[in-house]
């Protein structure tokens, strides 16, 4: 449309990079607006699995200990335990008031 409006004579080969860039931009916008479940449904579980395997191979190739380190880091990221409740008398006793 742009070419017609501006009297540009471009071949299909000239337009391919522009169309590809535009389509990629639109796909990224659509995918970026999806939640994780929508993204997985859009790509399909086979594609997600393929990407996961590729990323795992990259991780292994870059640093053989990375998987162990990542597992250890994730294990150490446990949620903190809630503080123990103590009664008011004990709390104030620590402050030296009672």
PDB file of N, CA and C in Angstrom:
ATOM      1  N   UNK A   1       0.819  -1.181   0.000  1.00  0.00           N
ATOM      2  CA  UNK A   1       0.000   0.000   0.000  1.00  0.00           C
ATOM      3  C   UNK A   1       0.865   1.248   0.000  1.00  0.00           C
ATOM      4  N   UNK A   2       1.893   1.238   0.880  1.00  0.00           N
ATOM      5  CA  UNK A   2       2.796   2.379   0.968  1.00  0.00           C
ATOM      6  C   UNK A   2       3.451   2.649  -0.385  1.00  0.00           C
ATOM      7  N   UNK A   3       3.854   1.557  -1.053  1.00  0.00           N
ATOM      8  CA  UNK A   3       4.523   1.707  -2.357  1.00  0.00           C
ATOM      9  C   UNK A   3       3.585   2.305  -3.392  1.00  0.00           C
ATOM     10  N   UNK A   4       2.350   1.869  -3.417  1.00  0.00           N
ATOM     11  CA  UNK A   4       1.372   2.373  -4.383  1.00  0.00           C
ATOM     12  C   UNK A   4       1.096   3.855  -4.121  1.00  0.00           C
ATOM     13  N   UNK A   5       0.898   4.211  -2.873  1.00  0.00           N
ATOM     14  CA  UNK A   5       0.594   5.592  -2.521  1.00  0.00           C
ATOM     15  C   UNK A   5       1.747   6.539  -2.853  1.00  0.00           C
ATOM     16  N   UNK A   6       2.972   6.041  -2.810  1.00  0.00           N
ATOM     17  CA  UNK A   6       4.138   6.891  -3.058  1.00  0.00           C
ATOM     18  C   UNK A   6       4.797   6.621  -4.410  1.00  0.00           C
ATOM     19  N   UNK A   7       4.085   5.916  -5.287  1.00  0.00           N
ATOM     20  CA  UNK A   7       4.570   5.616  -6.630  1.00  0.00           C
ATOM     21  C   UNK A   7       5.962   4.974  -6.620  1.00  0.00           C
ATOM     22  N   UNK A   8       6.152   4.037  -5.733  1.00  0.00           N
ATOM     23  CA  UNK A   8       7.424   3.320  -5.685  1.00  0.00           C
ATOM     24  C   UNK A   8       7.271   2.006  -6.427  1.00  0.00           C
ATOM     25  N   UNK A   9       8.268   1.680  -7.220  1.00  0.00           N
ATOM     26  CA  UNK A   9       8.248   0.436  -7.978  1.00  0.00           C
ATOM     27  C   UNK A   9       9.241  -0.522  -7.327  1.00  0.00           C
ATOM     28  N   UNK A  10       8.734  -1.336  -6.404  1.00  0.00           N
ATOM     29  CA  UNK A  10       9.592  -2.287  -5.695  1.00  0.00           C
ATOM     30  C   UNK A  10       9.157  -3.706  -6.034  1.00  0.00           C
ATOM     31  N   UNK A  11      10.134  -4.573  -6.158  1.00  0.00           N
ATOM     32  CA  UNK A  11       9.827  -5.982  -6.430  1.00  0.00           C
ATOM     33  C   UNK A  11       9.474  -6.675  -5.122  1.00  0.00           C
ATOM     34  N   UNK A  12       8.946  -7.872  -5.255  1.00  0.00           N
ATOM     35  CA  UNK A  12       8.617  -8.665  -4.069  1.00  0.00           C
ATOM     36  C   UNK A  12       9.882  -8.936  -3.254  1.00  0.00           C
ATOM     37  N   UNK A  13      10.990  -9.186  -3.931  1.00  0.00           N
ATOM     38  CA  UNK A  13      12.254  -9.439  -3.229  1.00  0.00           C
ATOM     39  C   UNK A  13      12.682  -8.229  -2.407  1.00  0.00           C
ATOM     40  N   UNK A  14      12.388  -7.021  -2.901  1.00  0.00           N
ATOM     41  CA  UNK A  14      12.726  -5.803  -2.159  1.00  0.00           C
ATOM     42  C   UNK A  14      11.848  -5.652  -0.916  1.00  0.00           C
ATOM     43  N   UNK A  15      10.628  -6.164  -1.000  1.00  0.00           N
ATOM     44  CA  UNK A  15       9.675  -6.008   0.098  1.00  0.00           C
ATOM     45  C   UNK A  15       9.813  -7.066   1.196  1.00  0.00           C
ATOM     46  N   UNK A  16      10.431  -8.202   0.872  1.00  0.00           N
ATOM     47  CA  UNK A  16      10.510  -9.316   1.821  1.00  0.00           C
ATOM     48  C   UNK A  16      11.119  -8.895   3.164  1.00  0.00           C
ATOM     49  N   UNK A  17      12.258  -8.199   3.201  1.00  0.00           N
ATOM     50  CA  UNK A  17      12.814  -7.820   4.518  1.00  0.00           C
ATOM     51  C   UNK A  17      11.857  -6.942   5.334  1.00  0.00           C
ATOM     52  N   UNK A  18      11.156  -6.031   4.667  1.00  0.00           N
ATOM     53  CA  UNK A  18      10.216  -5.162   5.372  1.00  0.00           C
ATOM     54  C   UNK A  18       9.048  -5.970   5.928  1.00  0.00           C
ATOM     55  N   UNK A  19       8.489  -6.842   5.124  1.00  0.00           N
ATOM     56  CA  UNK A  19       7.348  -7.655   5.546  1.00  0.00           C
ATOM     57  C   UNK A  19       7.757  -8.588   6.684  1.00  0.00           C
ATOM     58  N   UNK A  20       8.944  -9.185   6.572  1.00  0.00           N
ATOM     59  CA  UNK A  20       9.439 -10.083   7.617  1.00  0.00           C
ATOM     60  C   UNK A  20       9.622  -9.328   8.927  1.00  0.00           C
ATOM     61  N   UNK A  21      10.200  -8.139   8.861  1.00  0.00           N
ATOM     62  CA  UNK A  21      10.409  -7.332  10.061  1.00  0.00           C
ATOM     63  C   UNK A  21       9.068  -6.951  10.693  1.00  0.00           C
ATOM     64  N   UNK A  22       8.115  -6.571   9.875  1.00  0.00           N
ATOM     65  CA  UNK A  22       6.790  -6.177  10.359  1.00  0.00           C
ATOM     66  C   UNK A  22       6.078  -7.359  11.002  1.00  0.00           C
ATOM     67  N   UNK A  23       6.128  -8.516  10.353  1.00  0.00           N
ATOM     68  CA  UNK A  23       5.459  -9.711  10.887  1.00  0.00           C
ATOM     69  C   UNK A  23       6.103 -10.131  12.208  1.00  0.00           C
ATOM     70  N   UNK A  24       7.429 -10.105  12.267  1.00  0.00           N
ATOM     71  CA  UNK A  24       8.137 -10.464  13.500  1.00  0.00           C
ATOM     72  C   UNK A  24       7.739  -9.538  14.633  1.00  0.00           C
ATOM     73  N   UNK A  25       7.676  -8.268  14.346  1.00  0.00           N
ATOM     74  CA  UNK A  25       7.283  -7.287  15.349  1.00  0.00           C
ATOM     75  C   UNK A  25       5.871  -7.558  15.863  1.00  0.00           C
ATOM     76  N   UNK A  26       4.957  -7.856  14.966  1.00  0.00           N
ATOM     77  CA  UNK A  26       3.580  -8.140  15.366  1.00  0.00           C
ATOM     78  C   UNK A  26       3.474  -9.428  16.181  1.00  0.00           C
ATOM     79  N   UNK A  27       4.213 -10.481  15.777  1.00  0.00           N
ATOM     80  CA  UNK A  27       4.206 -11.731  16.540  1.00  0.00           C
ATOM     81  C   UNK A  27       4.754 -11.506  17.950  1.00  0.00           C
ATOM     82  N   UNK A  28       5.847 -10.763  18.059  1.00  0.00           N
ATOM     83  CA  UNK A  28       6.417 -10.493  19.378  1.00  0.00           C
ATOM     84  C   UNK A  28       5.435  -9.729  20.255  1.00  0.00           C
ATOM     85  N   UNK A  29       4.710  -8.809  19.673  1.00  0.00           N
ATOM     86  CA  UNK A  29       3.721  -8.046  20.438  1.00  0.00           C
ATOM     87  C   UNK A  29       2.600  -8.965  20.928  1.00  0.00           C
ATOM     88  N   UNK A  30       2.141  -9.842  20.060  1.00  0.00           N
ATOM     89  CA  UNK A  30       1.074 -10.775  20.426  1.00  0.00           C
ATOM     90  C   UNK A  30       1.554 -11.726  21.519  1.00  0.00           C
ATOM     91  N   UNK A  31       2.723 -12.318  21.313  1.00  0.00           N
ATOM     92  CA  UNK A  31       3.269 -13.270  22.277  1.00  0.00           C
ATOM     93  C   UNK A  31       3.563 -12.584  23.604  1.00  0.00           C
ATOM     94  N   UNK A  32       4.067 -11.356  23.547  1.00  0.00           N
ATOM     95  CA  UNK A  32       4.371 -10.619  24.770  1.00  0.00           C
ATOM     96  C   UNK A  32       3.146 -10.325  25.611  1.00  0.00           C
ATOM     97  N   UNK A  33       1.990 -10.300  24.993  1.00  0.00           N
ATOM     98  CA  UNK A  33       0.770 -10.010  25.740  1.00  0.00           C
ATOM     99  C   UNK A  33       0.133 -11.262  26.342  1.00  0.00           C
ATOM    100  N   UNK A  34       0.684 -12.425  26.029  1.00  0.00           N
ATOM    101  CA  UNK A  34       0.108 -13.684  26.516  1.00  0.00           C
ATOM    102  C   UNK A  34       0.639 -14.031  27.900  1.00  0.00           C
ATOM    103  N   UNK A  35      -0.193 -14.736  28.680  1.00  0.00           N
ATOM    104  CA  UNK A  35       0.307 -15.303  29.924  1.00  0.00           C
ATOM    105  C   UNK A  35       1.053 -16.595  29.574  1.00  0.00           C
ATOM    106  N   UNK A  36       1.674 -17.225  30.558  1.00  0.00           N
ATOM    107  CA  UNK A  36       2.490 -18.415  30.293  1.00  0.00           C
ATOM    108  C   UNK A  36       1.696 -19.554  29.672  1.00  0.00           C
ATOM    109  N   UNK A  37       0.478 -19.770  30.164  1.00  0.00           N
ATOM    110  CA  UNK A  37      -0.340 -20.853  29.597  1.00  0.00           C
ATOM    111  C   UNK A  37      -0.724 -20.560  28.157  1.00  0.00           C
ATOM    112  N   UNK A  38      -1.083 -19.324  27.871  1.00  0.00           N
ATOM    113  CA  UNK A  38      -1.420 -18.934  26.510  1.00  0.00           C
ATOM    114  C   UNK A  38      -0.232 -19.085  25.575  1.00  0.00           C
ATOM    115  N   UNK A  39       0.944 -18.707  26.072  1.00  0.00           N
ATOM    116  CA  UNK A  39       2.170 -18.833  25.288  1.00  0.00           C
ATOM    117  C   UNK A  39       2.461 -20.296  24.968  1.00  0.00           C
ATOM    118  N   UNK A  40       2.313 -21.152  25.983  1.00  0.00           N
ATOM    119  CA  UNK A  40       2.551 -22.584  25.768  1.00  0.00           C
ATOM    120  C   UNK A  40       1.536 -23.169  24.786  1.00  0.00           C
ATOM    121  N   UNK A  41       0.285 -22.765  24.903  1.00  0.00           N
ATOM    122  CA  UNK A  41      -0.740 -23.248  23.974  1.00  0.00           C
ATOM    123  C   UNK A  41      -0.487 -22.750  22.557  1.00  0.00           C
ATOM    124  N   UNK A  42      -0.021 -21.522  22.427  1.00  0.00           N
ATOM    125  CA  UNK A  42       0.248 -20.943  21.116  1.00  0.00           C
ATOM    126  C   UNK A  42       1.395 -21.664  20.422  1.00  0.00           C
ATOM    127  N   UNK A  43       2.497 -21.882  21.137  1.00  0.00           N
ATOM    128  CA  UNK A  43       3.655 -22.550  20.530  1.00  0.00           C
ATOM    129  C   UNK A  43       3.474 -24.058  20.447  1.00  0.00           C
ATOM    130  N   UNK A  44       2.806 -24.624  21.417  1.00  0.00           N
ATOM    131  CA  UNK A  44       2.642 -26.073  21.472  1.00  0.00           C
ATOM    132  C   UNK A  44       3.684 -26.689  22.386  1.00  0.00           C
ATOM    133  N   UNK A  45       3.290 -27.750  23.056  1.00  0.00           N
ATOM    134  CA  UNK A  45       4.176 -28.390  24.034  1.00  0.00           C
ATOM    135  C   UNK A  45       5.430 -28.955  23.388  1.00  0.00           C
ATOM    136  N   UNK A  46       5.323 -29.423  22.133  1.00  0.00           N
ATOM    137  CA  UNK A  46       6.504 -29.961  21.450  1.00  0.00           C
ATOM    138  C   UNK A  46       7.554 -28.882  21.233  1.00  0.00           C
ATOM    139  N   UNK A  47       7.112 -27.685  20.848  1.00  0.00           N
ATOM    140  CA  UNK A  47       8.054 -26.586  20.616  1.00  0.00           C
ATOM    141  C   UNK A  47       8.676 -26.105  21.928  1.00  0.00           C
ATOM    142  N   UNK A  48       7.867 -26.047  22.978  1.00  0.00           N
ATOM    143  CA  UNK A  48       8.380 -25.644  24.291  1.00  0.00           C
ATOM    144  C   UNK A  48       9.427 -26.648  24.760  1.00  0.00           C
ATOM    145  N   UNK A  49       9.143 -27.933  24.570  1.00  0.00           N
ATOM    146  CA  UNK A  49      10.084 -28.984  24.949  1.00  0.00           C
ATOM    147  C   UNK A  49      11.382 -28.859  24.156  1.00  0.00           C
ATOM    148  N   UNK A  50      11.267 -28.588  22.871  1.00  0.00           N
ATOM    149  CA  UNK A  50      12.457 -28.414  22.025  1.00  0.00           C
ATOM    150  C   UNK A  50      13.310 -27.242  22.520  1.00  0.00           C
ATOM    151  N   UNK A  51      12.661 -26.138  22.857  1.00  0.00           N
ATOM    152  CA  UNK A  51      13.395 -24.974  23.369  1.00  0.00           C
ATOM    153  C   UNK A  51      14.053 -25.276  24.714  1.00  0.00           C
ATOM    154  N   UNK A  52      13.342 -25.988  25.569  1.00  0.00           N
ATOM    155  CA  UNK A  52      13.886 -26.349  26.879  1.00  0.00           C
ATOM    156  C   UNK A  52      15.132 -27.214  26.709  1.00  0.00           C
ATOM    157  N   UNK A  53      15.076 -28.208  25.803  1.00  0.00           N
ATOM    158  CA  UNK A  53      16.220 -29.083  25.558  1.00  0.00           C
ATOM    159  C   UNK A  53      17.407 -28.289  25.015  1.00  0.00           C
ATOM    160  N   UNK A  54      17.138 -27.359  24.095  1.00  0.00           N
ATOM    161  CA  UNK A  54      18.214 -26.545  23.528  1.00  0.00           C
ATOM    162  C   UNK A  54      18.863 -25.686  24.607  1.00  0.00           C
ATOM    163  N   UNK A  55      18.061 -25.087  25.461  1.00  0.00           N
ATOM    164  CA  UNK A  55      18.611 -24.255  26.531  1.00  0.00           C
ATOM    165  C   UNK A  55      19.397 -25.078  27.540  1.00  0.00           C
ATOM    166  N   UNK A  56      18.935 -26.287  27.806  1.00  0.00           N
ATOM    167  CA  UNK A  56      19.657 -27.173  28.706  1.00  0.00           C
ATOM    168  C   UNK A  56      21.008 -27.559  28.110  1.00  0.00           C
ATOM    169  N   UNK A  57      21.046 -27.843  26.805  1.00  0.00           N
ATOM    170  CA  UNK A  57      22.303 -28.167  26.143  1.00  0.00           C
ATOM    171  C   UNK A  57      23.265 -26.979  26.192  1.00  0.00           C
ATOM    172  N   UNK A  58      22.746 -25.789  25.975  1.00  0.00           N
ATOM    173  CA  UNK A  58      23.587 -24.586  26.059  1.00  0.00           C
ATOM    174  C   UNK A  58      24.152 -24.422  27.461  1.00  0.00           C
ATOM    175  N   UNK A  59      23.334 -24.662  28.447  1.00  0.00           N
ATOM    176  CA  UNK A  59      23.756 -24.532  29.828  1.00  0.00           C
ATOM    177  C   UNK A  59      24.858 -25.536  30.144  1.00  0.00           C
ATOM    178  N   UNK A  60      24.666 -26.783  29.693  1.00  0.00           N
ATOM    179  CA  UNK A  60      25.666 -27.819  29.930  1.00  0.00           C
ATOM    180  C   UNK A  60      26.964 -27.506  29.202  1.00  0.00           C
ATOM    181  N   UNK A  61      26.879 -27.010  27.974  1.00  0.00           N
ATOM    182  CA  UNK A  61      28.074 -26.714  27.184  1.00  0.00           C
ATOM    183  C   UNK A  61      28.847 -25.535  27.762  1.00  0.00           C
ATOM    184  N   UNK A  62      28.142 -24.561  28.274  1.00  0.00           N
ATOM    185  CA  UNK A  62      28.799 -23.362  28.789  1.00  0.00           C
ATOM    186  C   UNK A  62      29.446 -23.571  30.133  1.00  0.00           C
ATOM    187  N   UNK A  63      28.833 -24.369  31.000  1.00  0.00           N
ATOM    188  CA  UNK A  63      29.347 -24.582  32.337  1.00  0.00           C
ATOM    189  C   UNK A  63      28.783 -25.897  32.856  1.00  0.00           C
ATOM    190  N   UNK A  64      29.601 -26.961  32.851  1.00  0.00           N
ATOM    191  CA  UNK A  64      29.102 -28.271  33.267  1.00  0.00           C
ATOM    192  C   UNK A  64      28.551 -28.285  34.689  1.00  0.00           C
ATOM    193  N   UNK A  65      29.052 -27.412  35.547  1.00  0.00           N
ATOM    194  CA  UNK A  65      28.577 -27.374  36.925  1.00  0.00           C
ATOM    195  C   UNK A  65      27.367 -26.474  37.099  1.00  0.00           C
ATOM    196  N   UNK A  66      26.940 -25.804  36.033  1.00  0.00           N
ATOM    197  CA  UNK A  66      25.853 -24.830  36.137  1.00  0.00           C
ATOM    198  C   UNK A  66      24.561 -25.478  36.614  1.00  0.00           C
ATOM    199  N   UNK A  67      24.310 -26.691  36.165  1.00  0.00           N
ATOM    200  CA  UNK A  67      23.066 -27.352  36.571  1.00  0.00           C
ATOM    201  C   UNK A  67      23.111 -27.638  38.067  1.00  0.00           C
ATOM    202  N   UNK A  68      24.241 -28.134  38.552  1.00  0.00           N
ATOM    203  CA  UNK A  68      24.373 -28.399  39.981  1.00  0.00           C
ATOM    204  C   UNK A  68      24.261 -27.097  40.762  1.00  0.00           C
ATOM    205  N   UNK A  69      24.943 -26.045  40.270  1.00  0.00           N
ATOM    206  CA  UNK A  69      24.908 -24.759  40.950  1.00  0.00           C
ATOM    207  C   UNK A  69      23.504 -24.186  40.959  1.00  0.00           C
ATOM    208  N   UNK A  70      22.791 -24.316  39.847  1.00  0.00           N
ATOM    209  CA  UNK A  70      21.428 -23.803  39.755  1.00  0.00           C
ATOM    210  C   UNK A  70      20.519 -24.564  40.707  1.00  0.00           C
ATOM    211  N   UNK A  71      20.671 -25.869  40.765  1.00  0.00           N
ATOM    212  CA  UNK A  71      19.850 -26.672  41.673  1.00  0.00           C
ATOM    213  C   UNK A  71      20.134 -26.292  43.119  1.00  0.00           C
ATOM    214  N   UNK A  72      21.406 -26.093  43.440  1.00  0.00           N
ATOM    215  CA  UNK A  72      21.765 -25.705  44.805  1.00  0.00           C
ATOM    216  C   UNK A  72      21.227 -24.320  45.129  1.00  0.00           C
ATOM    217  N   UNK A  73      21.305 -23.406  44.169  1.00  0.00           N
ATOM    218  CA  UNK A  73      20.792 -22.049  44.393  1.00  0.00           C
ATOM    219  C   UNK A  73      19.294 -22.073  44.587  1.00  0.00           C
ATOM    220  N   UNK A  74      18.593 -22.879  43.800  1.00  0.00           N
ATOM    221  CA  UNK A  74      17.137 -22.965  43.943  1.00  0.00           C
ATOM    222  C   UNK A  74      16.752 -23.603  45.275  1.00  0.00           C
ATOM    223  N   UNK A  75      17.540 -24.567  45.724  1.00  0.00           N
ATOM    224  CA  UNK A  75      17.250 -25.211  47.001  1.00  0.00           C
ATOM    225  C   UNK A  75      17.447 -24.235  48.148  1.00  0.00           C
ATOM    226  N   UNK A  76      18.416 -23.337  48.007  1.00  0.00           N
ATOM    227  CA  UNK A  76      18.678 -22.389  49.080  1.00  0.00           C
ATOM    228  C   UNK A  76      17.703 -21.222  49.082  1.00  0.00           C
ATOM    229  N   UNK A  77      16.854 -21.128  48.078  1.00  0.00           N
ATOM    230  CA  UNK A  77      15.893 -20.034  47.985  1.00  0.00           C
ATOM    231  C   UNK A  77      14.555 -20.402  48.621  1.00  0.00           C
ATOM    232  N   UNK A  78      14.606 -21.238  49.630  1.00  0.00           N
ATOM    233  CA  UNK A  78      13.367 -21.621  50.300  1.00  0.00           C
ATOM    234  C   UNK A  78      12.777 -20.394  50.981  1.00  0.00           C
ATOM    235  N   UNK A  79      11.477 -20.416  51.114  1.00  0.00           N
ATOM    236  CA  UNK A  79      10.810 -19.306  51.775  1.00  0.00           C
ATOM    237  C   UNK A  79      11.205 -19.289  53.244  1.00  0.00           C
ATOM    238  N   UNK A  80      11.420 -18.095  53.774  1.00  0.00           N
ATOM    239  CA  UNK A  80      11.806 -18.028  55.184  1.00  0.00           C
ATOM    240  C   UNK A  80      10.675 -18.516  56.076  1.00  0.00           C
ATOM    241  N   UNK A  81      11.069 -19.138  57.174  1.00  0.00           N
ATOM    242  CA  UNK A  81      10.070 -19.626  58.104  1.00  0.00           C
ATOM    243  C   UNK A  81       9.436 -18.444  58.822  1.00  0.00           C
ATOM    244  N   UNK A  82       8.151 -18.536  59.077  1.00  0.00           N
ATOM    245  CA  UNK A  82       7.510 -17.430  59.790  1.00  0.00           C
ATOM    246  C   UNK A  82       8.086 -17.298  61.195  1.00  0.00           C
ATOM    247  N   UNK A  83       8.154 -16.063  61.686  1.00  0.00           N
ATOM    248  CA  UNK A  83       8.697 -15.817  63.015  1.00  0.00           C
ATOM    249  C   UNK A  83       7.826 -16.486  64.062  1.00  0.00           C
ATOM    250  N   UNK A  84       8.493 -17.015  65.083  1.00  0.00           N
ATOM    251  CA  UNK A  84       7.743 -17.650  66.158  1.00  0.00           C
ATOM    252  C   UNK A  84       7.008 -16.578  66.947  1.00  0.00           C
ATOM    253  N   UNK A  85       5.800 -16.887  67.312  1.00  0.00           N
ATOM    254  CA  UNK A  85       5.021 -15.953  68.102  1.00  0.00           C
ATOM    255  C   UNK A  85       5.431 -16.087  69.563  1.00  0.00           C
ATOM    256  N   UNK A  86       5.562 -14.975  70.222  1.00  0.00           N
ATOM    257  CA  UNK A  86       5.813 -15.017  71.647  1.00  0.00           C
ATOM    258  C   UNK A  86       4.817 -14.111  72.348  1.00  0.00           C
ATOM    259  N   UNK A  87       4.577 -14.421  73.582  1.00  0.00           N
ATOM    260  CA  UNK A  87       3.563 -13.637  74.273  1.00  0.00           C
ATOM    261  C   UNK A  87       4.119 -12.263  74.645  1.00  0.00           C
ATOM    262  N   UNK A  88       3.228 -11.367  74.967  1.00  0.00           N
ATOM    263  CA  UNK A  88       3.580  -9.978  75.241  1.00  0.00           C
ATOM    264  C   UNK A  88       4.508  -9.859  76.442  1.00  0.00           C
ATOM    265  N   UNK A  89       4.274 -10.647  77.480  1.00  0.00           N
ATOM    266  CA  UNK A  89       5.107 -10.577  78.690  1.00  0.00           C
ATOM    267  C   UNK A  89       6.552 -10.931  78.377  1.00  0.00           C
ATOM    268  N   UNK A  90       6.776 -11.992  77.580  1.00  0.00           N
ATOM    269  CA  UNK A  90       8.145 -12.378  77.207  1.00  0.00           C
ATOM    270  C   UNK A  90       8.802 -11.298  76.352  1.00  0.00           C
ATOM    271  N   UNK A  91       8.047 -10.736  75.417  1.00  0.00           N
ATOM    272  CA  UNK A  91       8.584  -9.696  74.557  1.00  0.00           C
ATOM    273  C   UNK A  91       9.006  -8.477  75.374  1.00  0.00           C
ATOM    274  N   UNK A  92       8.145  -8.021  76.267  1.00  0.00           N
ATOM    275  CA  UNK A  92       8.455  -6.847  77.079  1.00  0.00           C
ATOM    276  C   UNK A  92       9.569  -7.150  78.077  1.00  0.00           C
ATOM    277  N   UNK A  93       9.661  -8.424  78.494  1.00  0.00           N
ATOM    278  CA  UNK A  93      10.735  -8.833  79.399  1.00  0.00           C
ATOM    279  C   UNK A  93      12.092  -8.676  78.747  1.00  0.00           C
ATOM    280  N   UNK A  94      12.164  -8.937  77.443  1.00  0.00           N
ATOM    281  CA  UNK A  94      13.423  -8.760  76.716  1.00  0.00           C
ATOM    282  C   UNK A  94      13.825  -7.308  76.652  1.00  0.00           C
ATOM    283  N   UNK A  95      12.843  -6.434  76.687  1.00  0.00           N
ATOM    284  CA  UNK A  95      13.115  -5.011  76.637  1.00  0.00           C
ATOM    285  C   UNK A  95      13.525  -4.456  78.001  1.00  0.00           C
ATOM    286  N   UNK A  96      13.395  -5.277  79.048  1.00  0.00           N
ATOM    287  CA  UNK A  96      13.796  -4.877  80.387  1.00  0.00           C
ATOM    288  C   UNK A  96      12.726  -4.109  81.124  1.00  0.00           C
ATOM    289  N   UNK A  97      11.533  -4.121  80.650  1.00  0.00           N
ATOM    290  CA  UNK A  97      10.463  -3.373  81.299  1.00  0.00           C
ATOM    291  C   UNK A  97       9.798  -4.208  82.396  1.00  0.00           C
ATOM    292  N   UNK A  98       9.847  -5.521  82.320  1.00  0.00           N
ATOM    293  CA  UNK A  98       9.150  -6.363  83.295  1.00  0.00           C
ATOM    294  C   UNK A  98      10.093  -7.350  83.912  1.00  0.00           C
TER     295      UNK A  98
END
